[in-house]
Amino acid sequence: DMGAVPIHYLIASASGESAVVEFSEGQMVVFRNESPWQAATNFLLASTHGHPQGQCWRYDRISQRLEGLQGRISPQDAMHLLSDVSQENTQWSVVYHMTTGNIDVVMGGQYSKATHMFHLGQSAH
């Protein structure tokens, strides 16, 4: 809908490349990772003119933690971090295991155990 509803996508690959794709003011805006990690929370990066720090406490906490770890975090610690920054109205949190293809989804704040687990396999073609 080209920005009528504020929405964004964080797209990543196992190679370490990622991008946040947003639709703002009728334009697609792409923010590629400049570090070995990238974060997105519930605000549009495009609204910050390239300076997201201080715009969202959740984004700041995730960024600080990942910066301190140089982007290397275990799946368990990643889910714990998502729990730390969850809000009362958080509907879901997801951890993507980039090298294995496993996906852990937590619904309704049930962080002690993944509600759904999926696996993205590679095609044999």
PDB file of N, CA and C in Angstrom:
ATOM      1  N   ASP A   1       0.814  -1.196   0.000  1.00  0.00           N
ATOM      2  CA  ASP A   1       0.000   0.000   0.000  1.00  0.00           C
ATOM      3  C   ASP A   1       0.862   1.266   0.000  1.00  0.00           C
ATOM      4  N   MET A   2       2.149   1.113  -0.217  1.00  0.00           N
ATOM      5  CA  MET A   2       3.102   2.213  -0.402  1.00  0.00           C
ATOM      6  C   MET A   2       3.062   3.271   0.701  1.00  0.00           C
ATOM      7  N   GLY A   3       2.888   2.837   1.946  1.00  0.00           N
ATOM      8  CA  GLY A   3       3.041   3.752   3.051  1.00  0.00           C
ATOM      9  C   GLY A   3       1.768   4.207   3.726  1.00  0.00           C
ATOM     10  N   ALA A   4       0.611   3.793   3.231  1.00  0.00           N
ATOM     11  CA  ALA A   4      -0.637   4.189   3.898  1.00  0.00           C
ATOM     12  C   ALA A   4      -0.687   3.617   5.307  1.00  0.00           C
ATOM     13  N   VAL A   5      -0.150   2.415   5.478  1.00  0.00           N
ATOM     14  CA  VAL A   5      -0.018   1.793   6.790  1.00  0.00           C
ATOM     15  C   VAL A   5       1.471   1.646   7.050  1.00  0.00           C
ATOM     16  N   PRO A   6       1.968   2.150   8.199  1.00  0.00           N
ATOM     17  CA  PRO A   6       3.401   2.021   8.467  1.00  0.00           C
ATOM     18  C   PRO A   6       3.794   0.557   8.659  1.00  0.00           C
ATOM     19  N   ILE A   7       4.615   0.054   7.754  1.00  0.00           N
ATOM     20  CA  ILE A   7       5.018  -1.347   7.807  1.00  0.00           C
ATOM     21  C   ILE A   7       6.447  -1.466   7.296  1.00  0.00           C
ATOM     22  N   HIS A   8       7.122  -2.456   7.811  1.00  0.00           N
ATOM     23  CA  HIS A   8       8.462  -2.725   7.310  1.00  0.00           C
ATOM     24  C   HIS A   8       8.763  -4.210   7.404  1.00  0.00           C
ATOM     25  N   TYR A   9       9.786  -4.599   6.671  1.00  0.00           N
ATOM     26  CA  TYR A   9      10.229  -5.975   6.634  1.00  0.00           C
ATOM     27  C   TYR A   9      11.724  -5.989   6.908  1.00  0.00           C
ATOM     28  N   LEU A  10      12.178  -6.895   7.766  1.00  0.00           N
ATOM     29  CA  LEU A  10      13.599  -7.121   7.959  1.00  0.00           C
ATOM     30  C   LEU A  10      13.907  -8.415   7.215  1.00  0.00           C
ATOM     31  N   ILE A  11      14.764  -8.315   6.213  1.00  0.00           N
ATOM     32  CA  ILE A  11      15.116  -9.448   5.361  1.00  0.00           C
ATOM     33  C   ILE A  11      16.587  -9.752   5.590  1.00  0.00           C
ATOM     34  N   ALA A  12      16.910 -11.018   5.850  1.00  0.00           N
ATOM     35  CA  ALA A  12      18.297 -11.372   6.164  1.00  0.00           C
ATOM     36  C   ALA A  12      18.674 -12.687   5.500  1.00  0.00           C
ATOM     37  N   SER A  13      19.974 -12.871   5.325  1.00  0.00           N
ATOM     38  CA  SER A  13      20.483 -14.123   4.775  1.00  0.00           C
ATOM     39  C   SER A  13      21.545 -14.684   5.709  1.00  0.00           C
ATOM     40  N   ALA A  14      21.810 -15.970   5.566  1.00  0.00           N
ATOM     41  CA  ALA A  14      22.827 -16.627   6.383  1.00  0.00           C
ATOM     42  C   ALA A  14      24.223 -16.070   6.108  1.00  0.00           C
ATOM     43  N   SER A  15      24.409 -15.372   5.001  1.00  0.00           N
ATOM     44  CA  SER A  15      25.710 -14.785   4.674  1.00  0.00           C
ATOM     45  C   SER A  15      26.022 -13.571   5.547  1.00  0.00           C
ATOM     46  N   GLY A  16      25.010 -13.076   6.275  1.00  0.00           N
ATOM     47  CA  GLY A  16      25.223 -11.913   7.148  1.00  0.00           C
ATOM     48  C   GLY A  16      24.683 -10.620   6.567  1.00  0.00           C
ATOM     49  N   GLU A  17      24.187 -10.672   5.355  1.00  0.00           N
ATOM     50  CA  GLU A  17      23.609  -9.469   4.767  1.00  0.00           C
ATOM     51  C   GLU A  17      22.146  -9.360   5.180  1.00  0.00           C
ATOM     52  N   SER A  18      21.714  -8.123   5.408  1.00  0.00           N
ATOM     53  CA  SER A  18      20.310  -7.903   5.750  1.00  0.00           C
ATOM     54  C   SER A  18      19.888  -6.516   5.297  1.00  0.00           C
ATOM     55  N   ALA A  19      18.578  -6.330   5.307  1.00  0.00           N
ATOM     56  CA  ALA A  19      18.023  -5.026   4.945  1.00  0.00           C
ATOM     57  C   ALA A  19      16.664  -4.872   5.607  1.00  0.00           C
ATOM     58  N   VAL A  20      16.366  -3.662   6.026  1.00  0.00           N
ATOM     59  CA  VAL A  20      15.021  -3.307   6.447  1.00  0.00           C
ATOM     60  C   VAL A  20      14.407  -2.570   5.269  1.00  0.00           C
ATOM     61  N   VAL A  21      13.258  -3.066   4.811  1.00  0.00           N
ATOM     62  CA  VAL A  21      12.552  -2.461   3.686  1.00  0.00           C
ATOM     63  C   VAL A  21      11.280  -1.828   4.240  1.00  0.00           C
ATOM     64  N   GLU A  22      11.124  -0.532   3.991  1.00  0.00           N
ATOM     65  CA  GLU A  22       9.970   0.210   4.486  1.00  0.00           C
ATOM     66  C   GLU A  22       9.296   0.947   3.341  1.00  0.00           C
ATOM     67  N   PHE A  23       8.058   1.282   3.569  1.00  0.00           N
ATOM     68  CA  PHE A  23       7.307   2.080   2.618  1.00  0.00           C
ATOM     69  C   PHE A  23       6.923   3.362   3.329  1.00  0.00           C
ATOM     70  N   SER A  24       7.462   4.474   2.868  1.00  0.00           N
ATOM     71  CA  SER A  24       7.279   5.758   3.529  1.00  0.00           C
ATOM     72  C   SER A  24       7.012   6.829   2.479  1.00  0.00           C
ATOM     73  N   GLU A  25       5.942   7.572   2.675  1.00  0.00           N
ATOM     74  CA  GLU A  25       5.574   8.676   1.780  1.00  0.00           C
ATOM     75  C   GLU A  25       5.529   8.229   0.316  1.00  0.00           C
ATOM     76  N   GLY A  26       4.967   7.042   0.098  1.00  0.00           N
ATOM     77  CA  GLY A  26       4.805   6.537  -1.260  1.00  0.00           C
ATOM     78  C   GLY A  26       6.059   5.982  -1.901  1.00  0.00           C
ATOM     79  N   GLN A  27       7.136   5.864  -1.147  1.00  0.00           N
ATOM     80  CA  GLN A  27       8.396   5.362  -1.684  1.00  0.00           C
ATOM     81  C   GLN A  27       8.864   4.149  -0.895  1.00  0.00           C
ATOM     82  N   MET A  28       9.519   3.232  -1.584  1.00  0.00           N
ATOM     83  CA  MET A  28      10.175   2.130  -0.905  1.00  0.00           C
ATOM     84  C   MET A  28      11.552   2.620  -0.466  1.00  0.00           C
ATOM     85  N   VAL A  29      11.871   2.418   0.806  1.00  0.00           N
ATOM     86  CA  VAL A  29      13.153   2.839   1.362  1.00  0.00           C
ATOM     87  C   VAL A  29      13.840   1.584   1.903  1.00  0.00           C
ATOM     88  N   VAL A  30      15.117   1.407   1.564  1.00  0.00           N
ATOM     89  CA  VAL A  30      15.867   0.220   1.977  1.00  0.00           C
ATOM     90  C   VAL A  30      17.048   0.651   2.842  1.00  0.00           C
ATOM     91  N   PHE A  31      17.163   0.036   4.012  1.00  0.00           N
ATOM     92  CA  PHE A  31      18.285   0.274   4.918  1.00  0.00           C
ATOM     93  C   PHE A  31      19.072  -1.030   5.021  1.00  0.00           C
ATOM     94  N   ARG A  32      20.258  -1.051   4.433  1.00  0.00           N
ATOM     95  CA  ARG A  32      21.107  -2.252   4.477  1.00  0.00           C
ATOM     96  C   ARG A  32      21.947  -2.223   5.754  1.00  0.00           C
ATOM     97  N   ASN A  33      22.266  -3.418   6.241  1.00  0.00           N
ATOM     98  CA  ASN A  33      23.069  -3.480   7.467  1.00  0.00           C
ATOM     99  C   ASN A  33      24.477  -2.953   7.218  1.00  0.00           C
ATOM    100  N   GLU A  34      24.962  -2.205   8.192  1.00  0.00           N
ATOM    101  CA  GLU A  34      26.322  -1.694   8.165  1.00  0.00           C
ATOM    102  C   GLU A  34      27.176  -2.393   9.216  1.00  0.00           C
ATOM    103  N   SER A  35      26.533  -3.206  10.055  1.00  0.00           N
ATOM    104  CA  SER A  35      27.175  -3.985  11.108  1.00  0.00           C
ATOM    105  C   SER A  35      26.829  -5.451  10.867  1.00  0.00           C
ATOM    106  N   PRO A  36      27.414  -6.352  11.658  1.00  0.00           N
ATOM    107  CA  PRO A  36      27.060  -7.763  11.492  1.00  0.00           C
ATOM    108  C   PRO A  36      25.669  -8.093  12.043  1.00  0.00           C
ATOM    109  N   TRP A  37      24.881  -7.106  12.332  1.00  0.00           N
ATOM    110  CA  TRP A  37      23.524  -7.279  12.845  1.00  0.00           C
ATOM    111  C   TRP A  37      22.661  -6.125  12.372  1.00  0.00           C
ATOM    112  N   GLN A  38      21.355  -6.321  12.495  1.00  0.00           N
ATOM    113  CA  GLN A  38      20.409  -5.252  12.162  1.00  0.00           C
ATOM    114  C   GLN A  38      19.159  -5.479  12.995  1.00  0.00           C
ATOM    115  N   ALA A  39      18.505  -4.415  13.400  1.00  0.00           N
ATOM    116  CA  ALA A  39      17.316  -4.511  14.245  1.00  0.00           C
ATOM    117  C   ALA A  39      16.171  -3.715  13.641  1.00  0.00           C
ATOM    118  N   ALA A  40      14.974  -4.123  14.010  1.00  0.00           N
ATOM    119  CA  ALA A  40      13.768  -3.378  13.652  1.00  0.00           C
ATOM    120  C   ALA A  40      12.761  -3.572  14.779  1.00  0.00           C
ATOM    121  N   THR A  41      12.122  -2.483  15.181  1.00  0.00           N
ATOM    122  CA  THR A  41      11.039  -2.562  16.152  1.00  0.00           C
ATOM    123  C   THR A  41       9.862  -1.784  15.575  1.00  0.00           C
ATOM    124  N   ASN A  42       8.922  -1.434  16.412  1.00  0.00           N
ATOM    125  CA  ASN A  42       7.672  -0.874  15.904  1.00  0.00           C
ATOM    126  C   ASN A  42       7.734   0.625  15.627  1.00  0.00           C
ATOM    127  N   PHE A  43       8.673   1.054  14.844  1.00  0.00           N
ATOM    128  CA  PHE A  43       8.693   2.408  14.300  1.00  0.00           C
ATOM    129  C   PHE A  43       9.445   2.351  12.982  1.00  0.00           C
ATOM    130  N   LEU A  44       9.188   3.305  12.127  1.00  0.00           N
ATOM    131  CA  LEU A  44       9.832   3.312  10.818  1.00  0.00           C
ATOM    132  C   LEU A  44      11.183   3.999  10.899  1.00  0.00           C
ATOM    133  N   LEU A  45      12.213   3.308  10.451  1.00  0.00           N
ATOM    134  CA  LEU A  45      13.549   3.896  10.405  1.00  0.00           C
ATOM    135  C   LEU A  45      13.563   5.130   9.517  1.00  0.00           C
ATOM    136  N   ALA A  46      12.746   5.124   8.472  1.00  0.00           N
ATOM    137  CA  ALA A  46      12.702   6.263   7.547  1.00  0.00           C
ATOM    138  C   ALA A  46      12.302   7.548   8.266  1.00  0.00           C
ATOM    139  N   SER A  47      11.533   7.427   9.333  1.00  0.00           N
ATOM    140  CA  SER A  47      11.100   8.615  10.073  1.00  0.00           C
ATOM    141  C   SER A  47      12.222   9.232  10.894  1.00  0.00           C
ATOM    142  N   THR A  48      13.373   8.537  11.014  1.00  0.00           N
ATOM    143  CA  THR A  48      14.479   9.026  11.851  1.00  0.00           C
ATOM    144  C   THR A  48      15.573   9.716  11.045  1.00  0.00           C
ATOM    145  N   HIS A  49      15.457   9.699   9.724  1.00  0.00           N
ATOM    146  CA  HIS A  49      16.472  10.309   8.842  1.00  0.00           C
ATOM    147  C   HIS A  49      17.861   9.752   9.132  1.00  0.00           C
ATOM    148  N   GLY A  50      17.914   8.438   9.386  1.00  0.00           N
ATOM    149  CA  GLY A  50      19.193   7.772   9.598  1.00  0.00           C
ATOM    150  C   GLY A  50      19.725   7.824  11.011  1.00  0.00           C
ATOM    151  N   HIS A  51      18.951   8.314  11.954  1.00  0.00           N
ATOM    152  CA  HIS A  51      19.395   8.413  13.352  1.00  0.00           C
ATOM    153  C   HIS A  51      18.360   7.780  14.272  1.00  0.00           C
ATOM    154  N   PRO A  52      18.301   6.432  14.316  1.00  0.00           N
ATOM    155  CA  PRO A  52      17.246   5.769  15.092  1.00  0.00           C
ATOM    156  C   PRO A  52      17.456   5.767  16.606  1.00  0.00           C
ATOM    157  N   GLN A  53      18.693   5.978  17.076  1.00  0.00           N
ATOM    158  CA  GLN A  53      18.936   5.948  18.505  1.00  0.00           C
ATOM    159  C   GLN A  53      18.094   7.010  19.207  1.00  0.00           C
ATOM    160  N   GLY A  54      17.491   6.590  20.326  1.00  0.00           N
ATOM    161  CA  GLY A  54      16.692   7.498  21.120  1.00  0.00           C
ATOM    162  C   GLY A  54      15.245   7.612  20.664  1.00  0.00           C
ATOM    163  N   GLN A  55      14.868   6.926  19.590  1.00  0.00           N
ATOM    164  CA  GLN A  55      13.503   6.994  19.077  1.00  0.00           C
ATOM    165  C   GLN A  55      12.599   5.937  19.704  1.00  0.00           C
ATOM    166  N   CYS A  56      13.196   4.829  20.168  1.00  0.00           N
ATOM    167  CA  CYS A  56      12.428   3.705  20.716  1.00  0.00           C
ATOM    168  C   CYS A  56      13.308   2.983  21.725  1.00  0.00           C
ATOM    169  N   TRP A  57      12.883   2.906  22.974  1.00  0.00           N
ATOM    170  CA  TRP A  57      13.709   2.259  24.002  1.00  0.00           C
ATOM    171  C   TRP A  57      13.975   0.799  23.658  1.00  0.00           C
ATOM    172  N   ARG A  58      13.030   0.142  22.997  1.00  0.00           N
ATOM    173  CA  ARG A  58      13.207  -1.255  22.630  1.00  0.00           C
ATOM    174  C   ARG A  58      14.315  -1.399  21.585  1.00  0.00           C
ATOM    175  N   TYR A  59      14.280  -0.545  20.580  1.00  0.00           N
ATOM    176  CA  TYR A  59      15.314  -0.550  19.549  1.00  0.00           C
ATOM    177  C   TYR A  59      16.681  -0.261  20.175  1.00  0.00           C
ATOM    178  N   ASP A  60      16.730   0.721  21.075  1.00  0.00           N
ATOM    179  CA  ASP A  60      17.993   1.079  21.722  1.00  0.00           C
ATOM    180  C   ASP A  60      18.564  -0.091  22.520  1.00  0.00           C
ATOM    181  N   ARG A  61      17.708  -0.779  23.289  1.00  0.00           N
ATOM    182  CA  ARG A  61      18.194  -1.898  24.109  1.00  0.00           C
ATOM    183  C   ARG A  61      18.690  -3.040  23.236  1.00  0.00           C
ATOM    184  N   ILE A  62      17.950  -3.372  22.184  1.00  0.00           N
ATOM    185  CA  ILE A  62      18.393  -4.428  21.274  1.00  0.00           C
ATOM    186  C   ILE A  62      19.706  -4.034  20.614  1.00  0.00           C
ATOM    187  N   SER A  63      19.796  -2.810  20.128  1.00  0.00           N
ATOM    188  CA  SER A  63      21.006  -2.333  19.454  1.00  0.00           C
ATOM    189  C   SER A  63      22.214  -2.363  20.376  1.00  0.00           C
ATOM    190  N   GLN A  64      22.040  -1.898  21.603  1.00  0.00           N
ATOM    191  CA  GLN A  64      23.152  -1.886  22.561  1.00  0.00           C
ATOM    192  C   GLN A  64      23.637  -3.298  22.852  1.00  0.00           C
ATOM    193  N   ARG A  65      22.701  -4.208  23.034  1.00  0.00           N
ATOM    194  CA  ARG A  65      23.070  -5.595  23.336  1.00  0.00           C
ATOM    195  C   ARG A  65      23.805  -6.228  22.151  1.00  0.00           C
ATOM    196  N   LEU A  66      23.260  -6.062  20.955  1.00  0.00           N
ATOM    197  CA  LEU A  66      23.899  -6.655  19.781  1.00  0.00           C
ATOM    198  C   LEU A  66      25.240  -6.007  19.469  1.00  0.00           C
ATOM    199  N   GLU A  67      25.336  -4.709  19.684  1.00  0.00           N
ATOM    200  CA  GLU A  67      26.617  -4.017  19.481  1.00  0.00           C
ATOM    201  C   GLU A  67      27.671  -4.587  20.429  1.00  0.00           C
ATOM    202  N   GLY A  68      27.296  -4.779  21.700  1.00  0.00           N
ATOM    203  CA  GLY A  68      28.220  -5.331  22.689  1.00  0.00           C
ATOM    204  C   GLY A  68      28.665  -6.745  22.356  1.00  0.00           C
ATOM    205  N   LEU A  69      27.815  -7.492  21.679  1.00  0.00           N
ATOM    206  CA  LEU A  69      28.122  -8.882  21.304  1.00  0.00           C
ATOM    207  C   LEU A  69      28.640  -8.988  19.878  1.00  0.00           C
ATOM    208  N   GLN A  70      28.841  -7.863  19.218  1.00  0.00           N
ATOM    209  CA  GLN A  70      29.260  -7.808  17.817  1.00  0.00           C
ATOM    210  C   GLN A  70      28.335  -8.649  16.926  1.00  0.00           C
ATOM    211  N   GLY A  71      27.054  -8.649  17.290  1.00  0.00           N
ATOM    212  CA  GLY A  71      26.055  -9.337  16.492  1.00  0.00           C
ATOM    213  C   GLY A  71      25.975 -10.830  16.715  1.00  0.00           C
ATOM    214  N   ARG A  72      26.790 -11.372  17.583  1.00  0.00           N
ATOM    215  CA  ARG A  72      26.792 -12.824  17.822  1.00  0.00           C
ATOM    216  C   ARG A  72      26.004 -13.122  19.094  1.00  0.00           C
ATOM    217  N   ILE A  73      24.868 -13.786  18.920  1.00  0.00           N
ATOM    218  CA  ILE A  73      23.997 -14.091  20.046  1.00  0.00           C
ATOM    219  C   ILE A  73      23.383 -15.464  19.820  1.00  0.00           C
ATOM    220  N   SER A  74      23.296 -16.247  20.872  1.00  0.00           N
ATOM    221  CA  SER A  74      22.699 -17.579  20.749  1.00  0.00           C
ATOM    222  C   SER A  74      21.187 -17.430  20.548  1.00  0.00           C
ATOM    223  N   PRO A  75      20.549 -18.425  19.961  1.00  0.00           N
ATOM    224  CA  PRO A  75      19.096 -18.360  19.811  1.00  0.00           C
ATOM    225  C   PRO A  75      18.374 -18.184  21.156  1.00  0.00           C
ATOM    226  N   GLN A  76      18.863 -18.847  22.191  1.00  0.00           N
ATOM    227  CA  GLN A  76      18.247 -18.719  23.507  1.00  0.00           C
ATOM    228  C   GLN A  76      18.390 -17.306  24.051  1.00  0.00           C
ATOM    229  N   ASP A  77      19.582 -16.720  23.901  1.00  0.00           N
ATOM    230  CA  ASP A  77      19.794 -15.349  24.362  1.00  0.00           C
ATOM    231  C   ASP A  77      19.014 -14.352  23.518  1.00  0.00           C
ATOM    232  N   ALA A  78      18.850 -14.640  22.235  1.00  0.00           N
ATOM    233  CA  ALA A  78      18.055 -13.764  21.368  1.00  0.00           C
ATOM    234  C   ALA A  78      16.601 -13.752  21.832  1.00  0.00           C
ATOM    235  N   MET A  79      16.066 -14.922  22.169  1.00  0.00           N
ATOM    236  CA  MET A  79      14.686 -14.972  22.646  1.00  0.00           C
ATOM    237  C   MET A  79      14.573 -14.279  24.003  1.00  0.00           C
ATOM    238  N   HIS A  80      15.583 -14.432  24.848  1.00  0.00           N
ATOM    239  CA  HIS A  80      15.573 -13.743  26.140  1.00  0.00           C
ATOM    240  C   HIS A  80      15.582 -12.224  25.930  1.00  0.00           C
ATOM    241  N   LEU A  81      16.362 -11.749  24.976  1.00  0.00           N
ATOM    242  CA  LEU A  81      16.397 -10.320  24.666  1.00  0.00           C
ATOM    243  C   LEU A  81      15.032  -9.843  24.174  1.00  0.00           C
ATOM    244  N   LEU A  82      14.398 -10.628  23.326  1.00  0.00           N
ATOM    245  CA  LEU A  82      13.057 -10.265  22.862  1.00  0.00           C
ATOM    246  C   LEU A  82      12.062 -10.233  24.023  1.00  0.00           C
ATOM    247  N   SER A  83      12.225 -11.141  24.964  1.00  0.00           N
ATOM    248  CA  SER A  83      11.377 -11.124  26.157  1.00  0.00           C
ATOM    249  C   SER A  83      11.615  -9.847  26.964  1.00  0.00           C
ATOM    250  N   ASP A  84      12.877  -9.460  27.091  1.00  0.00           N
ATOM    251  CA  ASP A  84      13.231  -8.242  27.844  1.00  0.00           C
ATOM    252  C   ASP A  84      12.593  -6.989  27.257  1.00  0.00           C
ATOM    253  N   VAL A  85      12.436  -6.953  25.941  1.00  0.00           N
ATOM    254  CA  VAL A  85      11.896  -5.746  25.302  1.00  0.00           C
ATOM    255  C   VAL A  85      10.429  -5.893  24.899  1.00  0.00           C
ATOM    256  N   SER A  86       9.822  -7.001  25.307  1.00  0.00           N
ATOM    257  CA  SER A  86       8.412  -7.170  24.958  1.00  0.00           C
ATOM    258  C   SER A  86       7.554  -6.184  25.747  1.00  0.00           C
ATOM    259  N   GLN A  87       6.397  -5.931  25.216  1.00  0.00           N
ATOM    260  CA  GLN A  87       5.440  -5.040  25.853  1.00  0.00           C
ATOM    261  C   GLN A  87       4.183  -5.843  26.169  1.00  0.00           C
ATOM    262  N   GLU A  88       3.292  -5.253  26.926  1.00  0.00           N
ATOM    263  CA  GLU A  88       2.056  -5.937  27.278  1.00  0.00           C
ATOM    264  C   GLU A  88       1.267  -6.368  26.040  1.00  0.00           C
ATOM    265  N   ASN A  89       1.350  -5.574  24.985  1.00  0.00           N
ATOM    266  CA  ASN A  89       0.592  -5.882  23.773  1.00  0.00           C
ATOM    267  C   ASN A  89       1.415  -6.596  22.699  1.00  0.00           C
ATOM    268  N   THR A  90       2.606  -7.091  23.036  1.00  0.00           N
ATOM    269  CA  THR A  90       3.408  -7.841  22.064  1.00  0.00           C
ATOM    270  C   THR A  90       2.650  -9.109  21.683  1.00  0.00           C
ATOM    271  N   GLN A  91       2.407  -9.270  20.395  1.00  0.00           N
ATOM    272  CA  GLN A  91       1.626 -10.414  19.935  1.00  0.00           C
ATOM    273  C   GLN A  91       2.493 -11.625  19.639  1.00  0.00           C
ATOM    274  N   TRP A  92       3.677 -11.403  19.081  1.00  0.00           N
ATOM    275  CA  TRP A  92       4.570 -12.508  18.789  1.00  0.00           C
ATOM    276  C   TRP A  92       6.006 -12.022  18.753  1.00  0.00           C
ATOM    277  N   SER A  93       6.912 -12.954  18.937  1.00  0.00           N
ATOM    278  CA  SER A  93       8.347 -12.720  18.785  1.00  0.00           C
ATOM    279  C   SER A  93       8.909 -13.915  18.042  1.00  0.00           C
ATOM    280  N   VAL A  94       9.901 -13.653  17.194  1.00  0.00           N
ATOM    281  CA  VAL A  94      10.454 -14.711  16.349  1.00  0.00           C
ATOM    282  C   VAL A  94      11.977 -14.660  16.383  1.00  0.00           C
ATOM    283  N   VAL A  95      12.590 -15.840  16.497  1.00  0.00           N
ATOM    284  CA  VAL A  95      14.038 -15.976  16.349  1.00  0.00           C
ATOM    285  C   VAL A  95      14.283 -16.887  15.156  1.00  0.00           C
ATOM    286  N   TYR A  96      15.044 -16.375  14.196  1.00  0.00           N
ATOM    287  CA  TYR A  96      15.419 -17.126  13.010  1.00  0.00           C
ATOM    288  C   TYR A  96      16.852 -17.613  13.192  1.00  0.00           C
ATOM    289  N   HIS A  97      17.056 -18.915  13.125  1.00  0.00           N
ATOM    290  CA  HIS A  97      18.391 -19.503  13.196  1.00  0.00           C
ATOM    291  C   HIS A  97      18.935 -19.467  11.768  1.00  0.00           C
ATOM    292  N   MET A  98      19.753 -18.497  11.479  1.00  0.00           N
ATOM    293  CA  MET A  98      20.145 -18.230  10.096  1.00  0.00           C
ATOM    294  C   MET A  98      20.949 -19.349   9.447  1.00  0.00           C
ATOM    295  N   THR A  99      21.683 -20.120  10.218  1.00  0.00           N
ATOM    296  CA  THR A  99      22.504 -21.157   9.602  1.00  0.00           C
ATOM    297  C   THR A  99      21.799 -22.508   9.520  1.00  0.00           C
ATOM    298  N   THR A 100      20.785 -22.737  10.361  1.00  0.00           N
ATOM    299  CA  THR A 100      20.101 -24.033  10.350  1.00  0.00           C
ATOM    300  C   THR A 100      18.753 -23.995   9.646  1.00  0.00           C
ATOM    301  N   GLY A 101      18.169 -22.805   9.514  1.00  0.00           N
ATOM    302  CA  GLY A 101      16.842 -22.691   8.926  1.00  0.00           C
ATOM    303  C   GLY A 101      15.716 -22.876   9.930  1.00  0.00           C
ATOM    304  N   ASN A 102      16.039 -23.095  11.190  1.00  0.00           N
ATOM    305  CA  ASN A 102      15.010 -23.241  12.215  1.00  0.00           C
ATOM    306  C   ASN A 102      14.420 -21.883  12.573  1.00  0.00           C
ATOM    307  N   ILE A 103      13.147 -21.891  12.917  1.00  0.00           N
ATOM    308  CA  ILE A 103      12.430 -20.675  13.292  1.00  0.00           C
ATOM    309  C   ILE A 103      11.642 -20.977  14.558  1.00  0.00           C
ATOM    310  N   ASP A 104      11.848 -20.167  15.603  1.00  0.00           N
ATOM    311  CA  ASP A 104      11.101 -20.307  16.846  1.00  0.00           C
ATOM    312  C   ASP A 104      10.173 -19.116  16.988  1.00  0.00           C
ATOM    313  N   VAL A 105       8.894 -19.395  17.195  1.00  0.00           N
ATOM    314  CA  VAL A 105       7.887 -18.353  17.331  1.00  0.00           C
ATOM    315  C   VAL A 105       7.261 -18.459  18.717  1.00  0.00           C
ATOM    316  N   VAL A 106       7.191 -17.336  19.402  1.00  0.00           N
ATOM    317  CA  VAL A 106       6.526 -17.260  20.695  1.00  0.00           C
ATOM    318  C   VAL A 106       5.291 -16.390  20.520  1.00  0.00           C
ATOM    319  N   MET A 107       4.161 -16.895  20.967  1.00  0.00           N
ATOM    320  CA  MET A 107       2.902 -16.156  20.888  1.00  0.00           C
ATOM    321  C   MET A 107       2.449 -15.792  22.296  1.00  0.00           C
ATOM    322  N   GLY A 108       1.843 -14.630  22.427  1.00  0.00           N
ATOM    323  CA  GLY A 108       1.216 -14.249  23.680  1.00  0.00           C
ATOM    324  C   GLY A 108       2.145 -14.158  24.878  1.00  0.00           C
ATOM    325  N   GLY A 109       3.402 -13.851  24.640  1.00  0.00           N
ATOM    326  CA  GLY A 109       4.332 -13.647  25.750  1.00  0.00           C
ATOM    327  C   GLY A 109       4.779 -14.905  26.467  1.00  0.00           C
ATOM    328  N   GLN A 110       4.597 -16.058  25.865  1.00  0.00           N
ATOM    329  CA  GLN A 110       4.998 -17.329  26.484  1.00  0.00           C
ATOM    330  C   GLN A 110       6.462 -17.638  26.162  1.00  0.00           C
ATOM    331  N   TYR A 111       7.377 -16.851  26.724  1.00  0.00           N
ATOM    332  CA  TYR A 111       8.793 -16.923  26.351  1.00  0.00           C
ATOM    333  C   TYR A 111       9.533 -18.129  26.914  1.00  0.00           C
ATOM    334  N   SER A 112       8.946 -18.833  27.849  1.00  0.00           N
ATOM    335  CA  SER A 112       9.651 -19.974  28.432  1.00  0.00           C
ATOM    336  C   SER A 112       9.772 -21.137  27.448  1.00  0.00           C
ATOM    337  N   LYS A 113       8.899 -21.175  26.439  1.00  0.00           N
ATOM    338  CA  LYS A 113       8.955 -22.248  25.442  1.00  0.00           C
ATOM    339  C   LYS A 113       8.366 -21.738  24.136  1.00  0.00           C
ATOM    340  N   ALA A 114       9.043 -22.043  23.039  1.00  0.00           N
ATOM    341  CA  ALA A 114       8.537 -21.619  21.734  1.00  0.00           C
ATOM    342  C   ALA A 114       7.159 -22.231  21.493  1.00  0.00           C
ATOM    343  N   THR A 115       6.221 -21.395  21.080  1.00  0.00           N
ATOM    344  CA  THR A 115       4.861 -21.847  20.804  1.00  0.00           C
ATOM    345  C   THR A 115       4.827 -22.657  19.511  1.00  0.00           C
ATOM    346  N   HIS A 116       5.580 -22.197  18.513  1.00  0.00           N
ATOM    347  CA  HIS A 116       5.633 -22.875  17.216  1.00  0.00           C
ATOM    348  C   HIS A 116       7.087 -22.966  16.785  1.00  0.00           C
ATOM    349  N   MET A 117       7.429 -24.078  16.163  1.00  0.00           N
ATOM    350  CA  MET A 117       8.775 -24.264  15.626  1.00  0.00           C
ATOM    351  C   MET A 117       8.637 -24.710  14.171  1.00  0.00           C
ATOM    352  N   PHE A 118       9.416 -24.073  13.314  1.00  0.00           N
ATOM    353  CA  PHE A 118       9.380 -24.366  11.888  1.00  0.00           C
ATOM    354  C   PHE A 118      10.807 -24.598  11.396  1.00  0.00           C
ATOM    355  N   HIS A 119      10.902 -25.149  10.214  1.00  0.00           N
ATOM    356  CA  HIS A 119      12.205 -25.309   9.583  1.00  0.00           C
ATOM    357  C   HIS A 119      12.081 -24.955   8.104  1.00  0.00           C
ATOM    358  N   LEU A 120      12.957 -24.065   7.653  1.00  0.00           N
ATOM    359  CA  LEU A 120      13.056 -23.739   6.232  1.00  0.00           C
ATOM    360  C   LEU A 120      14.192 -24.554   5.650  1.00  0.00           C
ATOM    361  N   GLY A 121      13.865 -25.486   4.812  1.00  0.00           N
ATOM    362  CA  GLY A 121      14.887 -26.322   4.193  1.00  0.00           C
ATOM    363  C   GLY A 121      15.274 -25.781   2.829  1.00  0.00           C
ATOM    364  N   GLN A 122      16.404 -26.211   2.363  1.00  0.00           N
ATOM    365  CA  GLN A 122      16.850 -25.817   1.037  1.00  0.00           C
ATOM    366  C   GLN A 122      16.288 -26.792   0.017  1.00  0.00           C
ATOM    367  N   SER A 123      15.902 -26.257  -1.119  1.00  0.00           N
ATOM    368  CA  SER A 123      15.384 -27.079  -2.203  1.00  0.00           C
ATOM    369  C   SER A 123      16.508 -27.896  -2.815  1.00  0.00           C
ATOM    370  N   ALA A 124      16.195 -29.097  -3.228  1.00  0.00           N
ATOM    371  CA  ALA A 124      17.200 -29.970  -3.872  1.00  0.00           C
ATOM    372  C   ALA A 124      17.370 -29.645  -5.340  1.00  0.00           C
ATOM    373  N   HIS A 125      16.646 -28.668  -5.862  1.00  0.00           N
ATOM    374  CA  HIS A 125      16.707 -28.325  -7.284  1.00  0.00           C
ATOM    375  C   HIS A 125      17.942 -27.553  -7.616  1.00  0.00           C
TER     376      HIS A 125
END
